[in-house]
Amino acid sequence: MSKYAKGYQPKIEYWTKMLNNEMFNTKQPNFERVLEIKEKLTYFCNRQLELNDMQNMPYPTFTSPDVINRMEEQLDSITRR
């Protein structure tokens, strides 16, 4: 069983609250902290998108290295002709 059985939604909600708190509940937001939180949010949002892709698609996504390698090989063979 995955560590994140509910997906990454709880992490996304947590980091969204942290971002809101930093931006709107402090007199002077610490923008270094805002960037750190943004990186966390980006990471967990991308992981959730990957999880959604895996659950909804019976085939690999275009970001998978296998697919990218096959596409590059096909493009190479076409351009060599």
Protein backbone atom coordinates (compact mmCIF):
# COMPACT_ATOMS: atom_id res chain seq x y z
CA MET A 1 0.00 0.00 0.00
CA SER A 2 1.22 3.45 -0.88
CA LYS A 3 2.40 5.84 1.80
CA TYR A 4 -0.12 8.30 0.36
CA ALA A 5 -3.29 6.21 0.15
CA LYS A 6 -5.40 9.34 -0.44
CA GLY A 7 -2.98 10.60 -3.02
CA TYR A 8 -1.15 13.84 -2.43
CA GLN A 9 -4.25 15.96 -1.84
CA PRO A 10 -3.66 16.28 1.94
CA LYS A 11 -0.10 17.50 1.28
CA ILE A 12 -1.35 19.93 -1.35
CA GLU A 13 -3.94 21.29 1.07
CA TYR A 14 -1.35 21.59 3.85
CA TRP A 15 1.15 23.50 1.71
CA THR A 16 -1.59 25.70 0.28
CA LYS A 17 -2.55 26.69 3.83
CA MET A 18 1.09 27.36 4.62
CA LEU A 19 1.38 29.61 1.57
CA ASN A 20 -1.81 31.49 2.47
CA ASN A 21 -0.59 31.95 6.03
CA GLU A 22 2.76 33.27 4.91
CA MET A 23 1.27 35.64 2.33
CA PHE A 24 -1.78 36.97 4.15
CA ASN A 25 -1.31 36.43 7.88
CA THR A 26 2.03 38.12 8.35
CA LYS A 27 2.83 41.81 8.16
CA GLN A 28 5.83 41.21 5.92
CA PRO A 29 5.89 37.88 4.06
CA ASN A 30 9.23 36.13 3.91
CA PHE A 31 9.59 35.61 0.18
CA GLU A 32 12.36 33.04 0.59
CA ARG A 33 9.88 30.99 2.60
CA VAL A 34 7.19 31.61 -0.05
CA LEU A 35 9.53 30.17 -2.71
CA GLU A 36 10.26 27.12 -0.52
CA ILE A 37 6.55 26.52 -0.08
CA LYS A 38 5.96 27.01 -3.81
CA GLU A 39 8.55 24.31 -4.55
CA LYS A 40 6.78 21.91 -2.18
CA LEU A 41 3.43 22.68 -3.78
CA THR A 42 4.82 22.20 -7.25
CA TYR A 43 6.35 18.87 -6.26
CA PHE A 44 3.17 17.47 -4.71
CA CYS A 45 0.93 18.79 -7.49
CA ASN A 46 3.13 17.12 -10.10
CA ARG A 47 3.15 13.86 -8.13
CA GLN A 48 -0.66 13.97 -7.93
CA LEU A 49 -0.89 14.54 -11.68
CA GLU A 50 1.39 11.54 -12.26
CA LEU A 51 -0.74 9.45 -9.91
CA ASN A 52 -3.88 10.52 -11.76
CA ASP A 53 -2.27 9.57 -15.07
CA MET A 54 -1.31 6.13 -13.78
CA GLN A 55 -4.81 5.48 -12.45
CA ASN A 56 -6.65 6.73 -15.53
CA MET A 57 -4.47 5.50 -18.38
CA PRO A 58 -3.76 1.90 -19.27
CA TYR A 59 -0.62 3.00 -21.12
CA PRO A 60 2.49 4.95 -20.08
CA THR A 61 2.39 8.73 -20.03
CA PHE A 62 4.46 10.78 -22.42
CA THR A 63 6.76 11.78 -19.61
CA SER A 64 7.84 8.18 -19.05
CA PRO A 65 11.45 7.57 -20.15
CA ASP A 66 10.39 4.49 -22.19
CA VAL A 67 8.01 6.49 -24.33
CA ILE A 68 10.43 9.37 -24.76
CA ASN A 69 13.22 6.98 -25.83
CA ARG A 70 10.95 5.23 -28.33
CA MET A 71 9.79 8.54 -29.76
CA GLU A 72 13.37 9.75 -30.13
CA GLU A 73 14.35 6.51 -31.88
CA GLN A 74 11.43 6.84 -34.28
CA LEU A 75 12.31 10.47 -35.02
CA ASP A 76 15.94 9.50 -35.64
CA SER A 77 14.93 6.74 -38.05
CA ILE A 78 12.63 9.14 -39.93
CA THR A 79 15.25 11.89 -40.22
CA ARG A 80 17.93 9.45 -41.43
CA ARG A 81 15.86 8.51 -44.49
